[in-house]
Amino acid sequence: MGRGGGQDEGVGPLQTNESTAVTKYGMNIYWSEPDHGFLAEVPALAGCVADGATRQEALRNAEAAMNEWIETARELGRPIPELKGRLLRN
């Protein structure tokens, strides 16, 4: 089940195709013992989390949740976080 959420401040508009964009956001996928399944969190999209019985299912569900999150933000006139590259390392 995918869940969308709130919005971070100070973010700009998304500059790329939505269907391509969702695959470019960073994601954390991990096993959750209390949920007995994998969780996939998208840190850039506040509250965007999905679950699945396998890592692959969690990933598919997260991509659907990201699309819903972006679509809802657009409908509500809320800003969508810009895609960012990897963290800079010294």
Protein backbone atom coordinates (compact mmCIF):
# COMPACT_ATOMS: atom_id res chain seq x y z
CA MET A 1 0.00 0.00 0.00
CA GLY A 2 1.40 3.39 -0.94
CA ARG A 3 0.92 6.49 1.14
CA GLY A 4 1.54 10.10 0.07
CA GLY A 5 2.21 12.92 2.45
CA GLY A 6 2.98 16.54 3.21
CA GLN A 7 5.42 18.93 1.58
CA ASP A 8 8.84 20.35 2.42
CA GLU A 9 9.35 24.10 2.24
CA GLY A 10 11.82 25.78 -0.08
CA VAL A 11 11.52 23.42 -3.01
CA GLY A 12 10.99 24.31 -6.63
CA PRO A 13 9.01 22.87 -9.51
CA LEU A 14 9.81 19.54 -11.07
CA GLN A 15 11.51 20.12 -14.42
CA THR A 16 11.13 16.70 -16.05
CA ASN A 17 8.51 14.21 -17.20
CA GLU A 18 6.65 12.79 -14.17
CA SER A 19 6.85 9.14 -15.20
CA THR A 20 10.61 9.43 -15.67
CA ALA A 21 11.08 11.65 -12.64
CA VAL A 22 9.81 9.20 -10.05
CA THR A 23 12.58 6.76 -10.85
CA LYS A 24 15.16 9.49 -10.22
CA TYR A 25 14.22 10.25 -6.61
CA GLY A 26 16.34 8.53 -3.97
CA MET A 27 14.67 5.77 -2.02
CA ASN A 28 15.44 3.77 1.11
CA ILE A 29 14.19 0.17 1.11
CA TYR A 30 14.47 -1.93 4.26
CA TRP A 31 12.88 -4.83 6.12
CA SER A 32 10.40 -3.85 8.83
CA GLU A 33 9.92 -6.57 11.42
CA PRO A 34 6.80 -4.92 12.97
CA ASP A 35 5.21 -4.73 9.49
CA HIS A 36 6.52 -8.16 8.40
CA GLY A 37 7.50 -6.73 5.04
CA PHE A 38 9.72 -4.30 3.19
CA LEU A 39 9.20 -0.54 3.42
CA ALA A 40 10.30 1.92 0.74
CA GLU A 41 10.65 5.54 1.84
CA VAL A 42 11.22 8.50 -0.48
CA PRO A 43 12.92 11.14 1.70
CA ALA A 44 12.47 13.98 -0.83
CA LEU A 45 8.68 13.50 -0.85
CA ALA A 46 7.63 13.96 2.75
CA GLY A 47 5.46 11.11 3.98
CA CYS A 48 5.82 9.08 0.78
CA VAL A 49 6.16 5.47 1.95
CA ALA A 50 5.08 2.15 0.46
CA ASP A 51 5.34 -1.46 1.53
CA GLY A 52 5.56 -4.89 -0.05
CA ALA A 53 6.17 -8.54 0.72
CA THR A 54 9.39 -8.37 -1.35
CA ARG A 55 11.89 -5.61 -2.16
CA GLN A 56 10.63 -5.60 -5.74
CA GLU A 57 7.00 -5.22 -4.65
CA ALA A 58 7.92 -2.39 -2.27
CA LEU A 59 9.78 -0.67 -5.13
CA ARG A 60 6.80 -1.00 -7.52
CA ASN A 61 4.42 0.27 -4.84
CA ALA A 62 6.74 3.18 -4.03
CA GLU A 63 6.86 4.23 -7.69
CA ALA A 64 3.04 4.27 -7.74
CA ALA A 65 3.00 6.24 -4.46
CA MET A 66 5.47 8.78 -5.89
CA ASN A 67 3.26 9.31 -8.94
CA GLU A 68 0.25 9.83 -6.67
CA TRP A 69 2.23 12.18 -4.41
CA ILE A 70 3.30 14.33 -7.38
CA GLU A 71 -0.18 14.30 -8.93
CA THR A 72 -1.78 15.34 -5.63
CA ALA A 73 0.78 18.12 -5.09
CA ARG A 74 0.07 19.48 -8.58
CA GLU A 75 -3.72 19.36 -8.00
CA LEU A 76 -3.30 21.25 -4.71
CA GLY A 77 -0.88 23.77 -6.22
CA ARG A 78 1.92 22.70 -3.89
CA PRO A 79 5.58 22.80 -4.89
CA ILE A 80 7.29 19.59 -5.94
CA PRO A 81 10.87 18.99 -4.75
CA GLU A 82 13.55 19.36 -7.37
CA LEU A 83 15.47 16.26 -8.32
CA LYS A 84 18.88 16.28 -6.68
CA GLY A 85 22.07 14.39 -7.43
CA ARG A 86 24.17 12.42 -5.04
CA LEU A 87 25.49 14.02 -1.89
CA LEU A 88 28.74 15.88 -2.38
CA ARG A 89 31.67 14.12 -0.74
CA ASN A 90 34.94 15.71 0.30
